[in-house]
Structures are given as structure tokens and as C-alpha cells.
Amino acid sequence: MLIAEYDYETDIAVQRAEEHEIAFAEGIERGIEQGIEQGFSEGSYQTKRETAVAFKRLGIDIAKIAEGTGLSVEEIEKL
């Protein structure tokens, strides 16, 4: 094998390793972002449920609770 061939193959191997590291890091970053987004979404949903329960205890009309929280009437009735 010539030195030029070796250098080329080494360069390609190094480049592939770097690309793999970058892709892996980007995948981790996207996963973290999705996890944070999902956490916020679930937290928001839980807050709506807690608000609906509190309003239901106060005797507020279920249709009004549904309108205010965005939850369905059926879901509020189950709470």
C-alpha cells in the first residue's frame, strides 16, 4: 500500500468517525428536547386536570370547566 493510499483511507476513517460522533450528539440533543417538550405537555395536562377537579368541587358547571380547561366533558365527569 502506498503512503498516499494509507493517508486517504485514514482520512476517510477519521471523517466517518467524526460524522458518527456528530450524528450521535445530535440524536442525544433531539432526544433531550423531545423529552423536555413531552414533560411540559404532560405537566400542562396535569394542571388542567387539577384545575378541573378544583372547579368541580366548587360546583362550577362541567360545560364551563370544559370550556375553560380544554378538557372534554366526559373526562371531567370521570374526575
C-alpha atoms as a PDB file:
ATOM      1  CA  MET A   1       0.000   0.000   0.000  1.00  0.00           C
ATOM      2  CA  LEU A   2       1.312   3.417  -0.876  1.00  0.00           C
ATOM      3  CA  ILE A   3       1.543   6.202   1.661  1.00  0.00           C
ATOM      4  CA  ALA A   4      -0.975   8.267  -0.319  1.00  0.00           C
ATOM      5  CA  GLU A   5      -3.491   5.406  -0.194  1.00  0.00           C
ATOM      6  CA  TYR A   6      -2.912   4.983   3.526  1.00  0.00           C
ATOM      7  CA  ASP A   7      -3.434   8.686   4.168  1.00  0.00           C
ATOM      8  CA  TYR A   8      -6.620   8.672   2.113  1.00  0.00           C
ATOM      9  CA  GLU A   9      -8.017   5.632   3.935  1.00  0.00           C
ATOM     10  CA  THR A  10      -7.023   7.097   7.296  1.00  0.00           C
ATOM     11  CA  ASP A  11      -8.644  10.407   6.408  1.00  0.00           C
ATOM     12  CA  ILE A  12     -11.855   8.647   5.379  1.00  0.00           C
ATOM     13  CA  ALA A  13     -11.892   6.590   8.582  1.00  0.00           C
ATOM     14  CA  VAL A  14     -11.343   9.687  10.722  1.00  0.00           C
ATOM     15  CA  GLN A  15     -14.017  11.598   8.819  1.00  0.00           C
ATOM     16  CA  ARG A  16     -16.531   8.779   9.289  1.00  0.00           C
ATOM     17  CA  ALA A  17     -15.749   8.591  12.999  1.00  0.00           C
ATOM     18  CA  GLU A  18     -16.251  12.348  13.353  1.00  0.00           C
ATOM     19  CA  GLU A  19     -19.529  12.210  11.418  1.00  0.00           C
ATOM     20  CA  HIS A  20     -20.692   9.364  13.646  1.00  0.00           C
ATOM     21  CA  GLU A  21     -19.876  11.375  16.779  1.00  0.00           C
ATOM     22  CA  ILE A  22     -21.708  14.420  15.423  1.00  0.00           C
ATOM     23  CA  ALA A  23     -24.772  12.378  14.451  1.00  0.00           C
ATOM     24  CA  PHE A  24     -24.799  10.699  17.860  1.00  0.00           C
ATOM     25  CA  ALA A  25     -24.566  14.058  19.669  1.00  0.00           C
ATOM     26  CA  GLU A  26     -27.367  15.487  17.520  1.00  0.00           C
ATOM     27  CA  GLY A  27     -29.516  12.450  18.291  1.00  0.00           C
ATOM     28  CA  ILE A  28     -28.944  12.892  22.012  1.00  0.00           C
ATOM     29  CA  GLU A  29     -29.794  16.588  21.758  1.00  0.00           C
ATOM     30  CA  ARG A  30     -33.030  15.877  19.862  1.00  0.00           C
ATOM     31  CA  GLY A  31     -33.983  13.236  22.404  1.00  0.00           C
ATOM     32  CA  ILE A  32     -33.470  15.656  25.268  1.00  0.00           C
ATOM     33  CA  GLU A  33     -35.513  18.341  23.500  1.00  0.00           C
ATOM     34  CA  GLN A  34     -38.346  15.887  22.865  1.00  0.00           C
ATOM     35  CA  GLY A  35     -38.247  14.755  26.486  1.00  0.00           C
ATOM     36  CA  ILE A  36     -38.466  18.313  27.754  1.00  0.00           C
ATOM     37  CA  GLU A  37     -41.316  19.085  25.365  1.00  0.00           C
ATOM     38  CA  GLN A  38     -43.199  15.964  26.428  1.00  0.00           C
ATOM     39  CA  GLY A  39     -42.641  16.837  30.092  1.00  0.00           C
ATOM     40  CA  PHE A  40     -44.110  20.307  29.603  1.00  0.00           C
ATOM     41  CA  SER A  41     -47.061  18.859  27.733  1.00  0.00           C
ATOM     42  CA  GLU A  42     -47.771  16.288  30.437  1.00  0.00           C
ATOM     43  CA  GLY A  43     -47.378  18.932  33.147  1.00  0.00           C
ATOM     44  CA  SER A  44     -49.824  21.224  31.378  1.00  0.00           C
ATOM     45  CA  TYR A  45     -52.331  18.394  31.030  1.00  0.00           C
ATOM     46  CA  GLN A  46     -51.990  17.502  34.721  1.00  0.00           C
ATOM     47  CA  THR A  47     -52.545  21.143  35.685  1.00  0.00           C
ATOM     48  CA  LYS A  48     -55.737  21.224  33.605  1.00  0.00           C
ATOM     49  CA  ARG A  49     -56.981  18.099  35.369  1.00  0.00           C
ATOM     50  CA  GLU A  50     -56.205  19.538  38.807  1.00  0.00           C
ATOM     51  CA  THR A  51     -57.962  22.785  37.903  1.00  0.00           C
ATOM     52  CA  ALA A  52     -60.998  20.861  36.670  1.00  0.00           C
ATOM     53  CA  VAL A  53     -61.164  18.872  39.924  1.00  0.00           C
ATOM     54  CA  ALA A  54     -60.975  22.080  41.973  1.00  0.00           C
ATOM     55  CA  PHE A  55     -63.715  23.767  39.927  1.00  0.00           C
ATOM     56  CA  LYS A  56     -65.859  20.650  40.087  1.00  0.00           C
ATOM     57  CA  ARG A  57     -65.590  20.692  43.901  1.00  0.00           C
ATOM     58  CA  LEU A  58     -66.714  24.322  43.837  1.00  0.00           C
ATOM     59  CA  GLY A  59     -69.819  23.275  41.936  1.00  0.00           C
ATOM     60  CA  ILE A  60     -68.976  25.034  38.696  1.00  0.00           C
ATOM     61  CA  ASP A  61     -70.880  23.739  35.681  1.00  0.00           C
ATOM     62  CA  ILE A  62     -68.977  20.975  33.894  1.00  0.00           C
ATOM     63  CA  ALA A  63     -69.545  22.586  30.487  1.00  0.00           C
ATOM     64  CA  LYS A  64     -67.902  25.783  31.771  1.00  0.00           C
ATOM     65  CA  ILE A  65     -64.992  23.785  33.218  1.00  0.00           C
ATOM     66  CA  ALA A  66     -64.560  22.052  29.855  1.00  0.00           C
ATOM     67  CA  GLU A  67     -64.612  25.382  28.063  1.00  0.00           C
ATOM     68  CA  GLY A  68     -62.042  26.878  30.417  1.00  0.00           C
ATOM     69  CA  THR A  69     -59.653  23.946  30.627  1.00  0.00           C
ATOM     70  CA  GLY A  70     -59.962  22.465  27.164  1.00  0.00           C
ATOM     71  CA  LEU A  71     -60.755  19.040  28.639  1.00  0.00           C
ATOM     72  CA  SER A  72     -63.753  17.106  27.387  1.00  0.00           C
ATOM     73  CA  VAL A  73     -66.989  16.987  29.375  1.00  0.00           C
ATOM     74  CA  GLU A  74     -66.649  13.199  29.552  1.00  0.00           C
ATOM     75  CA  GLU A  75     -63.168  13.426  31.009  1.00  0.00           C
ATOM     76  CA  ILE A  76     -64.237  15.977  33.599  1.00  0.00           C
ATOM     77  CA  GLU A  77     -67.189  13.821  34.627  1.00  0.00           C
ATOM     78  CA  LYS A  78     -64.757  10.963  35.345  1.00  0.00           C
ATOM     79  CA  LEU A  79     -62.645  13.111  37.664  1.00  0.00           C
END
